[in-house]
PDB file of N, CA and C in Angstrom:
ATOM      1  N   GLN A   1     -19.164  11.307 -25.202  1.00  0.00           N
ATOM      2  CA  GLN A   1     -19.542  12.616 -24.805  1.00  0.00           C
ATOM      3  C   GLN A   1     -18.399  13.278 -23.900  1.00  0.00           C
ATOM      4  N   VAL A   2     -18.466  14.576 -23.881  1.00  0.00           N
ATOM      5  CA  VAL A   2     -17.607  15.348 -23.034  1.00  0.00           C
ATOM      6  C   VAL A   2     -18.275  15.650 -21.701  1.00  0.00           C
ATOM      7  N   LYS A   3     -17.495  15.560 -20.625  1.00  0.00           N
ATOM      8  CA  LYS A   3     -18.072  15.846 -19.273  1.00  0.00           C
ATOM      9  C   LYS A   3     -17.237  16.873 -18.621  1.00  0.00           C
ATOM     10  N   LEU A   4     -17.866  17.904 -18.038  1.00  0.00           N
ATOM     11  CA  LEU A   4     -17.184  18.941 -17.272  1.00  0.00           C
ATOM     12  C   LEU A   4     -17.581  18.809 -15.848  1.00  0.00           C
ATOM     13  N   VAL A   5     -16.620  18.792 -14.930  1.00  0.00           N
ATOM     14  CA  VAL A   5     -16.866  18.662 -13.545  1.00  0.00           C
ATOM     15  C   VAL A   5     -16.260  19.814 -12.739  1.00  0.00           C
ATOM     16  N   GLU A   6     -17.115  20.606 -12.144  1.00  0.00           N
ATOM     17  CA  GLU A   6     -16.605  21.707 -11.293  1.00  0.00           C
ATOM     18  C   GLU A   6     -16.408  21.324  -9.840  1.00  0.00           C
ATOM     19  N   SER A   7     -15.450  21.977  -9.211  1.00  0.00           N
ATOM     20  CA  SER A   7     -15.243  21.805  -7.795  1.00  0.00           C
ATOM     21  C   SER A   7     -14.692  23.086  -7.158  1.00  0.00           C
ATOM     22  N   GLY A   8     -14.751  23.178  -5.846  1.00  0.00           N
ATOM     23  CA  GLY A   8     -14.156  24.323  -5.131  1.00  0.00           C
ATOM     24  C   GLY A   8     -15.166  25.264  -4.525  1.00  0.00           C
ATOM     25  N   GLY A   9     -16.428  25.127  -4.821  1.00  0.00           N
ATOM     26  CA  GLY A   9     -17.435  26.012  -4.302  1.00  0.00           C
ATOM     27  C   GLY A   9     -17.584  25.808  -2.845  1.00  0.00           C
ATOM     28  N   GLY A  10     -18.301  26.728  -2.213  1.00  0.00           N
ATOM     29  CA  GLY A  10     -18.589  26.605  -0.733  1.00  0.00           C
ATOM     30  C   GLY A  10     -19.032  27.936  -0.142  1.00  0.00           C
ATOM     31  N   LEU A  11     -18.994  28.016   1.123  1.00  0.00           N
ATOM     32  CA  LEU A  11     -19.392  29.165   1.894  1.00  0.00           C
ATOM     33  C   LEU A  11     -18.172  29.935   2.326  1.00  0.00           C
ATOM     34  N   VAL A  12     -18.175  31.224   2.062  1.00  0.00           N
ATOM     35  CA  VAL A  12     -17.036  32.122   2.450  1.00  0.00           C
ATOM     36  C   VAL A  12     -17.591  33.432   2.922  1.00  0.00           C
ATOM     37  N   GLN A  13     -16.839  34.031   3.820  1.00  0.00           N
ATOM     38  CA  GLN A  13     -17.234  35.370   4.354  1.00  0.00           C
ATOM     39  C   GLN A  13     -16.876  36.483   3.348  1.00  0.00           C
ATOM     40  N   PRO A  14     -17.597  37.603   3.382  1.00  0.00           N
ATOM     41  CA  PRO A  14     -17.223  38.741   2.521  1.00  0.00           C
ATOM     42  C   PRO A  14     -15.750  39.079   2.648  1.00  0.00           C
ATOM     43  N   GLY A  15     -15.112  39.349   1.555  1.00  0.00           N
ATOM     44  CA  GLY A  15     -13.680  39.637   1.527  1.00  0.00           C
ATOM     45  C   GLY A  15     -12.788  38.412   1.378  1.00  0.00           C
ATOM     46  N   GLY A  16     -13.376  37.244   1.475  1.00  0.00           N
ATOM     47  CA  GLY A  16     -12.605  36.018   1.384  1.00  0.00           C
ATOM     48  C   GLY A  16     -12.312  35.581  -0.014  1.00  0.00           C
ATOM     49  N   SER A  17     -11.760  34.437  -0.136  1.00  0.00           N
ATOM     50  CA  SER A  17     -11.324  33.947  -1.444  1.00  0.00           C
ATOM     51  C   SER A  17     -11.764  32.497  -1.696  1.00  0.00           C
ATOM     52  N   LEU A  18     -11.992  32.110  -2.917  1.00  0.00           N
ATOM     53  CA  LEU A  18     -12.195  30.770  -3.361  1.00  0.00           C
ATOM     54  C   LEU A  18     -11.560  30.509  -4.650  1.00  0.00           C
ATOM     55  N   ARG A  19     -11.225  29.247  -4.930  1.00  0.00           N
ATOM     56  CA  ARG A  19     -10.641  28.828  -6.167  1.00  0.00           C
ATOM     57  C   ARG A  19     -11.480  27.703  -6.725  1.00  0.00           C
ATOM     58  N   LEU A  20     -12.097  27.966  -7.865  1.00  0.00           N
ATOM     59  CA  LEU A  20     -12.890  26.933  -8.575  1.00  0.00           C
ATOM     60  C   LEU A  20     -12.079  26.234  -9.619  1.00  0.00           C
ATOM     61  N   SER A  21     -12.371  24.971  -9.821  1.00  0.00           N
ATOM     62  CA  SER A  21     -11.668  24.199 -10.815  1.00  0.00           C
ATOM     63  C   SER A  21     -12.762  23.537 -11.713  1.00  0.00           C
ATOM     64  N   CYS A  22     -12.411  23.294 -12.984  1.00  0.00           N
ATOM     65  CA  CYS A  22     -13.260  22.583 -13.869  1.00  0.00           C
ATOM     66  C   CYS A  22     -12.387  21.712 -14.803  1.00  0.00           C
ATOM     67  N   ALA A  23     -12.651  20.419 -14.689  1.00  0.00           N
ATOM     68  CA  ALA A  23     -11.871  19.458 -15.485  1.00  0.00           C
ATOM     69  C   ALA A  23     -12.736  18.848 -16.570  1.00  0.00           C
ATOM     70  N   ALA A  24     -12.252  18.843 -17.776  1.00  0.00           N
ATOM     71  CA  ALA A  24     -12.970  18.248 -18.910  1.00  0.00           C
ATOM     72  C   ALA A  24     -12.399  16.906 -19.206  1.00  0.00           C
ATOM     73  N   SER A  25     -13.279  15.985 -19.571  1.00  0.00           N
ATOM     74  CA  SER A  25     -12.873  14.587 -20.003  1.00  0.00           C
ATOM     75  C   SER A  25     -13.790  14.184 -21.119  1.00  0.00           C
ATOM     76  N   GLY A  26     -13.323  13.148 -21.813  1.00  0.00           N
ATOM     77  CA  GLY A  26     -14.115  12.557 -22.890  1.00  0.00           C
ATOM     78  C   GLY A  26     -13.345  12.588 -24.230  1.00  0.00           C
ATOM     79  N   SER A  27     -14.100  12.487 -25.313  1.00  0.00           N
ATOM     80  CA  SER A  27     -13.480  12.413 -26.619  1.00  0.00           C
ATOM     81  C   SER A  27     -13.094  13.764 -27.125  1.00  0.00           C
ATOM     82  N   ILE A  28     -12.131  14.357 -26.515  1.00  0.00           N
ATOM     83  CA  ILE A  28     -11.685  15.719 -26.816  1.00  0.00           C
ATOM     84  C   ILE A  28     -10.501  15.722 -27.760  1.00  0.00           C
ATOM     85  N   PHE A  29     -10.660  16.420 -28.820  1.00  0.00           N
ATOM     86  CA  PHE A  29      -9.552  16.670 -29.685  1.00  0.00           C
ATOM     87  C   PHE A  29      -8.795  17.944 -29.328  1.00  0.00           C
ATOM     88  N   ASN A  30      -9.616  18.966 -29.061  1.00  0.00           N
ATOM     89  CA  ASN A  30      -9.082  20.251 -28.716  1.00  0.00           C
ATOM     90  C   ASN A  30     -10.172  21.121 -28.012  1.00  0.00           C
ATOM     91  N   ILE A  31      -9.767  21.856 -27.003  1.00  0.00           N
ATOM     92  CA  ILE A  31     -10.676  22.832 -26.383  1.00  0.00           C
ATOM     93  C   ILE A  31     -10.257  24.213 -26.821  1.00  0.00           C
ATOM     94  N   ASN A  32     -11.135  24.852 -27.532  1.00  0.00           N
ATOM     95  CA  ASN A  32     -10.787  26.186 -28.089  1.00  0.00           C
ATOM     96  C   ASN A  32     -10.975  27.283 -27.097  1.00  0.00           C
ATOM     97  N   ALA A  33     -11.956  27.172 -26.245  1.00  0.00           N
ATOM     98  CA  ALA A  33     -12.191  28.233 -25.225  1.00  0.00           C
ATOM     99  C   ALA A  33     -12.916  27.627 -24.027  1.00  0.00           C
ATOM    100  N   MET A  34     -12.658  28.240 -22.869  1.00  0.00           N
ATOM    101  CA  MET A  34     -13.396  27.870 -21.656  1.00  0.00           C
ATOM    102  C   MET A  34     -13.774  29.118 -20.921  1.00  0.00           C
ATOM    103  N   GLY A  35     -14.845  28.956 -20.128  1.00  0.00           N
ATOM    104  CA  GLY A  35     -15.304  30.093 -19.384  1.00  0.00           C
ATOM    105  C   GLY A  35     -16.109  29.672 -18.161  1.00  0.00           C
ATOM    106  N   TRP A  36     -16.320  30.714 -17.331  1.00  0.00           N
ATOM    107  CA  TRP A  36     -17.152  30.546 -16.149  1.00  0.00           C
ATOM    108  C   TRP A  36     -18.330  31.500 -16.259  1.00  0.00           C
ATOM    109  N   TYR A  37     -19.525  30.938 -15.948  1.00  0.00           N
ATOM    110  CA  TYR A  37     -20.739  31.699 -15.860  1.00  0.00           C
ATOM    111  C   TYR A  37     -21.317  31.517 -14.482  1.00  0.00           C
ATOM    112  N   ARG A  38     -22.224  32.406 -14.118  1.00  0.00           N
ATOM    113  CA  ARG A  38     -22.899  32.281 -12.839  1.00  0.00           C
ATOM    114  C   ARG A  38     -24.382  32.655 -13.006  1.00  0.00           C
ATOM    115  N   GLN A  39     -25.190  32.066 -12.095  1.00  0.00           N
ATOM    116  CA  GLN A  39     -26.621  32.355 -12.134  1.00  0.00           C
ATOM    117  C   GLN A  39     -27.107  32.474 -10.718  1.00  0.00           C
ATOM    118  N   ALA A  40     -27.614  33.660 -10.325  1.00  0.00           N
ATOM    119  CA  ALA A  40     -28.164  33.878  -9.040  1.00  0.00           C
ATOM    120  C   ALA A  40     -29.665  33.703  -9.107  1.00  0.00           C
ATOM    121  N   PRO A  41     -30.356  33.428  -7.986  1.00  0.00           N
ATOM    122  CA  PRO A  41     -31.817  33.256  -8.043  1.00  0.00           C
ATOM    123  C   PRO A  41     -32.533  34.477  -8.656  1.00  0.00           C
ATOM    124  N   GLY A  42     -33.411  34.213  -9.620  1.00  0.00           N
ATOM    125  CA  GLY A  42     -34.138  35.284 -10.247  1.00  0.00           C
ATOM    126  C   GLY A  42     -33.424  36.024 -11.292  1.00  0.00           C
ATOM    127  N   LYS A  43     -32.194  35.640 -11.634  1.00  0.00           N
ATOM    128  CA  LYS A  43     -31.402  36.357 -12.649  1.00  0.00           C
ATOM    129  C   LYS A  43     -30.968  35.394 -13.756  1.00  0.00           C
ATOM    130  N   GLU A  44     -30.695  35.974 -14.884  1.00  0.00           N
ATOM    131  CA  GLU A  44     -30.148  35.191 -15.959  1.00  0.00           C
ATOM    132  C   GLU A  44     -28.696  34.796 -15.793  1.00  0.00           C
ATOM    133  N   ARG A  45     -28.303  33.753 -16.416  1.00  0.00           N
ATOM    134  CA  ARG A  45     -26.911  33.337 -16.357  1.00  0.00           C
ATOM    135  C   ARG A  45     -26.047  34.335 -17.049  1.00  0.00           C
ATOM    136  N   GLU A  46     -24.908  34.673 -16.429  1.00  0.00           N
ATOM    137  CA  GLU A  46     -24.043  35.695 -16.996  1.00  0.00           C
ATOM    138  C   GLU A  46     -22.614  35.203 -16.957  1.00  0.00           C
ATOM    139  N   LEU A  47     -21.885  35.743 -17.920  1.00  0.00           N
ATOM    140  CA  LEU A  47     -20.416  35.372 -18.060  1.00  0.00           C
ATOM    141  C   LEU A  47     -19.637  36.149 -16.997  1.00  0.00           C
ATOM    142  N   VAL A  48     -18.724  35.448 -16.354  1.00  0.00           N
ATOM    143  CA  VAL A  48     -17.857  36.092 -15.393  1.00  0.00           C
ATOM    144  C   VAL A  48     -16.404  36.075 -15.771  1.00  0.00           C
ATOM    145  N   ALA A  49     -16.035  35.134 -16.671  1.00  0.00           N
ATOM    146  CA  ALA A  49     -14.691  35.086 -17.101  1.00  0.00           C
ATOM    147  C   ALA A  49     -14.607  34.106 -18.286  1.00  0.00           C
ATOM    148  N   SER A  50     -13.688  34.399 -19.266  1.00  0.00           N
ATOM    149  CA  SER A  50     -13.511  33.462 -20.342  1.00  0.00           C
ATOM    150  C   SER A  50     -12.001  33.502 -20.767  1.00  0.00           C
ATOM    151  N   ILE A  51     -11.550  32.409 -21.367  1.00  0.00           N
ATOM    152  CA  ILE A  51     -10.154  32.362 -21.792  1.00  0.00           C
ATOM    153  C   ILE A  51     -10.129  31.540 -23.074  1.00  0.00           C
ATOM    154  N   THR A  52      -9.375  31.997 -24.045  1.00  0.00           N
ATOM    155  CA  THR A  52      -9.218  31.328 -25.309  1.00  0.00           C
ATOM    156  C   THR A  52      -8.054  30.414 -25.261  1.00  0.00           C
ATOM    157  N   ASN A  53      -7.915  29.591 -26.331  1.00  0.00           N
ATOM    158  CA  ASN A  53      -6.800  28.702 -26.415  1.00  0.00           C
ATOM    159  C   ASN A  53      -5.443  29.399 -26.445  1.00  0.00           C
ATOM    160  N   GLY A  54      -5.511  30.662 -26.946  1.00  0.00           N
ATOM    161  CA  GLY A  54      -4.341  31.451 -27.045  1.00  0.00           C
ATOM    162  C   GLY A  54      -4.028  32.230 -25.775  1.00  0.00           C
ATOM    163  N   GLY A  55      -4.878  32.099 -24.788  1.00  0.00           N
ATOM    164  CA  GLY A  55      -4.659  32.760 -23.539  1.00  0.00           C
ATOM    165  C   GLY A  55      -5.285  34.146 -23.326  1.00  0.00           C
ATOM    166  N   SER A  56      -6.051  34.597 -24.312  1.00  0.00           N
ATOM    167  CA  SER A  56      -6.767  35.855 -24.151  1.00  0.00           C
ATOM    168  C   SER A  56      -7.947  35.770 -23.162  1.00  0.00           C
ATOM    169  N   THR A  57      -8.061  36.726 -22.239  1.00  0.00           N
ATOM    170  CA  THR A  57      -9.071  36.682 -21.220  1.00  0.00           C
ATOM    171  C   THR A  57     -10.096  37.778 -21.307  1.00  0.00           C
ATOM    172  N   ASP A  58     -11.248  37.587 -20.779  1.00  0.00           N
ATOM    173  CA  ASP A  58     -12.256  38.618 -20.776  1.00  0.00           C
ATOM    174  C   ASP A  58     -13.037  38.532 -19.460  1.00  0.00           C
ATOM    175  N   TYR A  59     -13.354  39.695 -18.873  1.00  0.00           N
ATOM    176  CA  TYR A  59     -14.106  39.829 -17.617  1.00  0.00           C
ATOM    177  C   TYR A  59     -15.056  40.944 -17.730  1.00  0.00           C
ATOM    178  N   PRO A  60     -16.200  40.784 -17.108  1.00  0.00           N
ATOM    179  CA  PRO A  60     -17.142  41.959 -16.969  1.00  0.00           C
ATOM    180  C   PRO A  60     -16.626  42.891 -15.883  1.00  0.00           C
ATOM    181  N   ASP A  61     -17.113  44.105 -15.898  1.00  0.00           N
ATOM    182  CA  ASP A  61     -16.665  45.111 -14.906  1.00  0.00           C
ATOM    183  C   ASP A  61     -16.989  44.666 -13.499  1.00  0.00           C
ATOM    184  N   SER A  62     -17.988  43.890 -13.271  1.00  0.00           N
ATOM    185  CA  SER A  62     -18.383  43.488 -11.951  1.00  0.00           C
ATOM    186  C   SER A  62     -17.346  42.616 -11.219  1.00  0.00           C
ATOM    187  N   VAL A  63     -16.526  41.887 -11.945  1.00  0.00           N
ATOM    188  CA  VAL A  63     -15.469  41.064 -11.328  1.00  0.00           C
ATOM    189  C   VAL A  63     -14.110  41.416 -11.718  1.00  0.00           C
ATOM    190  N   LYS A  64     -13.902  42.365 -12.653  1.00  0.00           N
ATOM    191  CA  LYS A  64     -12.601  42.724 -13.098  1.00  0.00           C
ATOM    192  C   LYS A  64     -11.731  43.220 -11.943  1.00  0.00           C
ATOM    193  N   GLY A  65     -10.536  42.701 -11.865  1.00  0.00           N
ATOM    194  CA  GLY A  65      -9.620  43.032 -10.754  1.00  0.00           C
ATOM    195  C   GLY A  65      -9.752  42.151  -9.555  1.00  0.00           C
ATOM    196  N   ARG A  66     -10.820  41.330  -9.481  1.00  0.00           N
ATOM    197  CA  ARG A  66     -11.058  40.462  -8.342  1.00  0.00           C
ATOM    198  C   ARG A  66     -10.922  38.984  -8.780  1.00  0.00           C
ATOM    199  N   PHE A  67     -11.376  38.639  -9.923  1.00  0.00           N
ATOM    200  CA  PHE A  67     -11.393  37.270 -10.464  1.00  0.00           C
ATOM    201  C   PHE A  67     -10.240  37.073 -11.453  1.00  0.00           C
ATOM    202  N   THR A  68      -9.683  35.936 -11.506  1.00  0.00           N
ATOM    203  CA  THR A  68      -8.624  35.588 -12.443  1.00  0.00           C
ATOM    204  C   THR A  68      -8.878  34.235 -13.035  1.00  0.00           C
ATOM    205  N   ILE A  69      -9.039  34.092 -14.377  1.00  0.00           N
ATOM    206  CA  ILE A  69      -9.208  32.786 -15.002  1.00  0.00           C
ATOM    207  C   ILE A  69      -7.846  32.325 -15.559  1.00  0.00           C
ATOM    208  N   SER A  70      -7.662  31.073 -15.455  1.00  0.00           N
ATOM    209  CA  SER A  70      -6.428  30.455 -16.009  1.00  0.00           C
ATOM    210  C   SER A  70      -6.748  29.026 -16.471  1.00  0.00           C
ATOM    211  N   ARG A  71      -5.874  28.459 -17.299  1.00  0.00           N
ATOM    212  CA  ARG A  71      -6.114  27.135 -17.768  1.00  0.00           C
ATOM    213  C   ARG A  71      -4.865  26.332 -17.872  1.00  0.00           C
ATOM    214  N   ASP A  72      -4.979  25.037 -17.705  1.00  0.00           N
ATOM    215  CA  ASP A  72      -3.918  24.121 -17.855  1.00  0.00           C
ATOM    216  C   ASP A  72      -4.270  23.178 -19.006  1.00  0.00           C
ATOM    217  N   ASN A  73      -3.741  23.449 -20.171  1.00  0.00           N
ATOM    218  CA  ASN A  73      -4.101  22.742 -21.368  1.00  0.00           C
ATOM    219  C   ASN A  73      -3.719  21.244 -21.281  1.00  0.00           C
ATOM    220  N   ALA A  74      -2.665  20.911 -20.622  1.00  0.00           N
ATOM    221  CA  ALA A  74      -2.257  19.540 -20.531  1.00  0.00           C
ATOM    222  C   ALA A  74      -3.252  18.747 -19.707  1.00  0.00           C
ATOM    223  N   LYS A  75      -3.962  19.339 -18.800  1.00  0.00           N
ATOM    224  CA  LYS A  75      -4.962  18.695 -17.943  1.00  0.00           C
ATOM    225  C   LYS A  75      -6.366  18.922 -18.384  1.00  0.00           C
ATOM    226  N   ASN A  76      -6.569  19.730 -19.443  1.00  0.00           N
ATOM    227  CA  ASN A  76      -7.917  20.131 -19.870  1.00  0.00           C
ATOM    228  C   ASN A  76      -8.708  20.695 -18.705  1.00  0.00           C
ATOM    229  N   THR A  77      -8.107  21.589 -18.009  1.00  0.00           N
ATOM    230  CA  THR A  77      -8.651  22.166 -16.765  1.00  0.00           C
ATOM    231  C   THR A  77      -8.598  23.641 -16.774  1.00  0.00           C
ATOM    232  N   VAL A  78      -9.688  24.283 -16.331  1.00  0.00           N
ATOM    233  CA  VAL A  78      -9.727  25.747 -16.211  1.00  0.00           C
ATOM    234  C   VAL A  78     -10.011  26.085 -14.735  1.00  0.00           C
ATOM    235  N   TYR A  79      -9.424  27.198 -14.272  1.00  0.00           N
ATOM    236  CA  TYR A  79      -9.586  27.593 -12.895  1.00  0.00           C
ATOM    237  C   TYR A  79     -10.124  29.016 -12.845  1.00  0.00           C
ATOM    238  N   LEU A  80     -10.773  29.324 -11.716  1.00  0.00           N
ATOM    239  CA  LEU A  80     -11.227  30.677 -11.449  1.00  0.00           C
ATOM    240  C   LEU A  80     -10.835  31.018 -10.066  1.00  0.00           C
ATOM    241  N   GLN A  81      -9.842  31.899  -9.916  1.00  0.00           N
ATOM    242  CA  GLN A  81      -9.419  32.377  -8.568  1.00  0.00           C
ATOM    243  C   GLN A  81     -10.245  33.611  -8.290  1.00  0.00           C
ATOM    244  N   MET A  82     -11.030  33.522  -7.187  1.00  0.00           N
ATOM    245  CA  MET A  82     -11.933  34.622  -6.799  1.00  0.00           C
ATOM    246  C   MET A  82     -11.390  35.222  -5.478  1.00  0.00           C
ATOM    247  N   THR A  83     -11.182  36.524  -5.451  1.00  0.00           N
ATOM    248  CA  THR A  83     -10.787  37.231  -4.261  1.00  0.00           C
ATOM    249  C   THR A  83     -11.713  38.374  -3.974  1.00  0.00           C
ATOM    250  N   SER A  84     -11.589  38.945  -2.769  1.00  0.00           N
ATOM    251  CA  SER A  84     -12.417  40.028  -2.345  1.00  0.00           C
ATOM    252  C   SER A  84     -13.861  39.814  -2.683  1.00  0.00           C
ATOM    253  N   LEU A  85     -14.317  38.646  -2.259  1.00  0.00           N
ATOM    254  CA  LEU A  85     -15.734  38.215  -2.627  1.00  0.00           C
ATOM    255  C   LEU A  85     -16.744  39.091  -1.904  1.00  0.00           C
ATOM    256  N   LYS A  86     -17.840  39.305  -2.535  1.00  0.00           N
ATOM    257  CA  LYS A  86     -18.964  40.105  -2.104  1.00  0.00           C
ATOM    258  C   LYS A  86     -20.226  39.300  -2.054  1.00  0.00           C
ATOM    259  N   PRO A  87     -21.129  39.653  -1.199  1.00  0.00           N
ATOM    260  CA  PRO A  87     -22.412  38.930  -1.138  1.00  0.00           C
ATOM    261  C   PRO A  87     -23.100  38.823  -2.500  1.00  0.00           C
ATOM    262  N   GLU A  88     -22.953  39.840  -3.324  1.00  0.00           N
ATOM    263  CA  GLU A  88     -23.598  39.748  -4.672  1.00  0.00           C
ATOM    264  C   GLU A  88     -22.907  38.781  -5.609  1.00  0.00           C
ATOM    265  N   ASP A  89     -21.771  38.204  -5.194  1.00  0.00           N
ATOM    266  CA  ASP A  89     -21.147  37.149  -5.989  1.00  0.00           C
ATOM    267  C   ASP A  89     -21.836  35.831  -5.716  1.00  0.00           C
ATOM    268  N   THR A  90     -22.730  35.737  -4.784  1.00  0.00           N
ATOM    269  CA  THR A  90     -23.445  34.476  -4.443  1.00  0.00           C
ATOM    270  C   THR A  90     -24.192  34.012  -5.642  1.00  0.00           C
ATOM    271  N   ALA A  91     -23.957  32.780  -6.074  1.00  0.00           N
ATOM    272  CA  ALA A  91     -24.584  32.209  -7.251  1.00  0.00           C
ATOM    273  C   ALA A  91     -24.108  30.777  -7.448  1.00  0.00           C
ATOM    274  N   VAL A  92     -24.798  30.120  -8.368  1.00  0.00           N
ATOM    275  CA  VAL A  92     -24.249  28.810  -8.805  1.00  0.00           C
ATOM    276  C   VAL A  92     -23.318  29.146 -10.014  1.00  0.00           C
ATOM    277  N   TYR A  93     -22.094  28.670  -9.917  1.00  0.00           N
ATOM    278  CA  TYR A  93     -21.062  28.901 -10.948  1.00  0.00           C
ATOM    279  C   TYR A  93     -20.953  27.665 -11.897  1.00  0.00           C
ATOM    280  N   TYR A  94     -21.032  27.959 -13.160  1.00  0.00           N
ATOM    281  CA  TYR A  94     -21.005  26.912 -14.145  1.00  0.00           C
ATOM    282  C   TYR A  94     -19.790  27.037 -15.085  1.00  0.00           C
ATOM    283  N   CYS A  95     -19.143  25.930 -15.346  1.00  0.00           N
ATOM    284  CA  CYS A  95     -18.102  25.868 -16.281  1.00  0.00           C
ATOM    285  C   CYS A  95     -18.600  25.628 -17.692  1.00  0.00           C
ATOM    286  N   ASN A  96     -18.040  26.238 -18.693  1.00  0.00           N
ATOM    287  CA  ASN A  96     -18.473  26.096 -20.081  1.00  0.00           C
ATOM    288  C   ASN A  96     -17.180  25.846 -20.922  1.00  0.00           C
ATOM    289  N   ALA A  97     -17.264  25.012 -21.966  1.00  0.00           N
ATOM    290  CA  ALA A  97     -16.190  24.796 -22.842  1.00  0.00           C
ATOM    291  C   ALA A  97     -16.668  24.628 -24.259  1.00  0.00           C
ATOM    292  N   LEU A  98     -15.970  25.236 -25.216  1.00  0.00           N
ATOM    293  CA  LEU A  98     -16.148  24.984 -26.592  1.00  0.00           C
ATOM    294  C   LEU A  98     -15.115  23.987 -27.079  1.00  0.00           C
ATOM    295  N   VAL A  99     -15.617  22.819 -27.390  1.00  0.00           N
ATOM    296  CA  VAL A  99     -14.746  21.666 -27.565  1.00  0.00           C
ATOM    297  C   VAL A  99     -14.850  21.126 -28.962  1.00  0.00           C
ATOM    298  N   TYR A 100     -13.742  20.781 -29.609  1.00  0.00           N
ATOM    299  CA  TYR A 100     -13.741  19.976 -30.812  1.00  0.00           C
ATOM    300  C   TYR A 100     -13.781  18.518 -30.451  1.00  0.00           C
ATOM    301  N   VAL A 101     -14.928  17.903 -30.625  1.00  0.00           N
ATOM    302  CA  VAL A 101     -15.115  16.522 -30.275  1.00  0.00           C
ATOM    303  C   VAL A 101     -14.848  15.583 -31.386  1.00  0.00           C
ATOM    304  N   LEU A 102     -14.114  14.543 -31.123  1.00  0.00           N
ATOM    305  CA  LEU A 102     -13.832  13.585 -32.195  1.00  0.00           C
ATOM    306  C   LEU A 102     -15.107  13.014 -32.804  1.00  0.00           C
ATOM    307  N   ARG A 103     -15.160  13.034 -34.168  1.00  0.00           N
ATOM    308  CA  ARG A 103     -16.306  12.539 -34.950  1.00  0.00           C
ATOM    309  C   ARG A 103     -17.495  13.473 -34.898  1.00  0.00           C
ATOM    310  N   MET A 104     -17.458  14.558 -34.121  1.00  0.00           N
ATOM    311  CA  MET A 104     -18.616  15.396 -33.939  1.00  0.00           C
ATOM    312  C   MET A 104     -18.445  16.859 -34.399  1.00  0.00           C
ATOM    313  N   GLY A 105     -17.235  17.313 -34.296  1.00  0.00           N
ATOM    314  CA  GLY A 105     -16.972  18.730 -34.561  1.00  0.00           C
ATOM    315  C   GLY A 105     -17.101  19.579 -33.294  1.00  0.00           C
ATOM    316  N   HIS A 106     -17.194  20.864 -33.482  1.00  0.00           N
ATOM    317  CA  HIS A 106     -17.314  21.728 -32.356  1.00  0.00           C
ATOM    318  C   HIS A 106     -18.617  21.630 -31.628  1.00  0.00           C
ATOM    319  N   GLN A 107     -18.539  21.512 -30.306  1.00  0.00           N
ATOM    320  CA  GLN A 107     -19.751  21.428 -29.452  1.00  0.00           C
ATOM    321  C   GLN A 107     -19.492  22.232 -28.150  1.00  0.00           C
ATOM    322  N   ASN A 108     -20.618  22.763 -27.621  1.00  0.00           N
ATOM    323  CA  ASN A 108     -20.561  23.536 -26.432  1.00  0.00           C
ATOM    324  C   ASN A 108     -21.110  22.650 -25.289  1.00  0.00           C
ATOM    325  N   PHE A 109     -20.255  22.611 -24.186  1.00  0.00           N
ATOM    326  CA  PHE A 109     -20.686  21.828 -23.032  1.00  0.00           C
ATOM    327  C   PHE A 109     -20.701  22.604 -21.765  1.00  0.00           C
ATOM    328  N   TRP A 110     -21.579  22.193 -20.843  1.00  0.00           N
ATOM    329  CA  TRP A 110     -21.721  22.858 -19.549  1.00  0.00           C
ATOM    330  C   TRP A 110     -21.528  21.849 -18.400  1.00  0.00           C
ATOM    331  N   GLY A 111     -20.918  22.326 -17.328  1.00  0.00           N
ATOM    332  CA  GLY A 111     -20.812  21.523 -16.139  1.00  0.00           C
ATOM    333  C   GLY A 111     -22.110  21.552 -15.372  1.00  0.00           C
ATOM    334  N   GLN A 112     -22.137  20.796 -14.256  1.00  0.00           N
ATOM    335  CA  GLN A 112     -23.308  20.705 -13.455  1.00  0.00           C
ATOM    336  C   GLN A 112     -23.525  21.915 -12.549  1.00  0.00           C
ATOM    337  N   GLY A 113     -22.411  22.619 -12.227  1.00  0.00           N
ATOM    338  CA  GLY A 113     -22.461  23.817 -11.433  1.00  0.00           C
ATOM    339  C   GLY A 113     -21.963  23.540  -9.996  1.00  0.00           C
ATOM    340  N   THR A 114     -21.422  24.609  -9.381  1.00  0.00           N
ATOM    341  CA  THR A 114     -21.055  24.526  -8.003  1.00  0.00           C
ATOM    342  C   THR A 114     -21.441  25.816  -7.264  1.00  0.00           C
ATOM    343  N   GLN A 115     -22.014  25.606  -6.106  1.00  0.00           N
ATOM    344  CA  GLN A 115     -22.610  26.743  -5.366  1.00  0.00           C
ATOM    345  C   GLN A 115     -21.500  27.557  -4.651  1.00  0.00           C
ATOM    346  N   VAL A 116     -21.538  28.851  -4.815  1.00  0.00           N
ATOM    347  CA  VAL A 116     -20.708  29.792  -4.104  1.00  0.00           C
ATOM    348  C   VAL A 116     -21.626  30.702  -3.268  1.00  0.00           C
ATOM    349  N   THR A 117     -21.430  30.691  -1.964  1.00  0.00           N
ATOM    350  CA  THR A 117     -22.226  31.529  -1.059  1.00  0.00           C
ATOM    351  C   THR A 117     -21.262  32.471  -0.310  1.00  0.00           C
ATOM    352  N   VAL A 118     -21.517  33.752  -0.432  1.00  0.00           N
ATOM    353  CA  VAL A 118     -20.698  34.766   0.269  1.00  0.00           C
ATOM    354  C   VAL A 118     -21.577  35.402   1.332  1.00  0.00           C
ATOM    355  N   SER A 119     -21.358  35.093   2.599  1.00  0.00           N
ATOM    356  CA  SER A 119     -22.193  35.559   3.644  1.00  0.00           C
ATOM    357  C   SER A 119     -21.444  35.579   4.980  1.00  0.00           C
ATOM    358  N   SER A 120     -21.791  36.547   5.867  1.00  0.00           N
ATOM    359  CA  SER A 120     -21.173  36.595   7.153  1.00  0.00           C
ATOM    360  C   SER A 120     -21.988  35.827   8.154  1.00  0.00           C
TER     361      SER A 120
END
């Protein structure tokens, strides 16, 4: 099986920055796309950033200009650099990857999540 492990979450004041990391391991042949989602209490999980194998990125208007997604293909790792954080960014952030798994084909995997809290 493929495992995704997030790190880098924590408590930060409004206007501050955090950098999240997500490392994938397991029977990986290729990772086609990776992304970050978040879920706040009482709300549905929403996409905050995605990146394809070719490097194309996508962001919703709520984070555009503040968040930057990047990936290191050699390390099977994706990053989310978050700046100018706002209280409304508070949520559990989840890593997601579309992976071609050996002997299985394409599969979608989720990380356990990391808490980001923006508060003074």
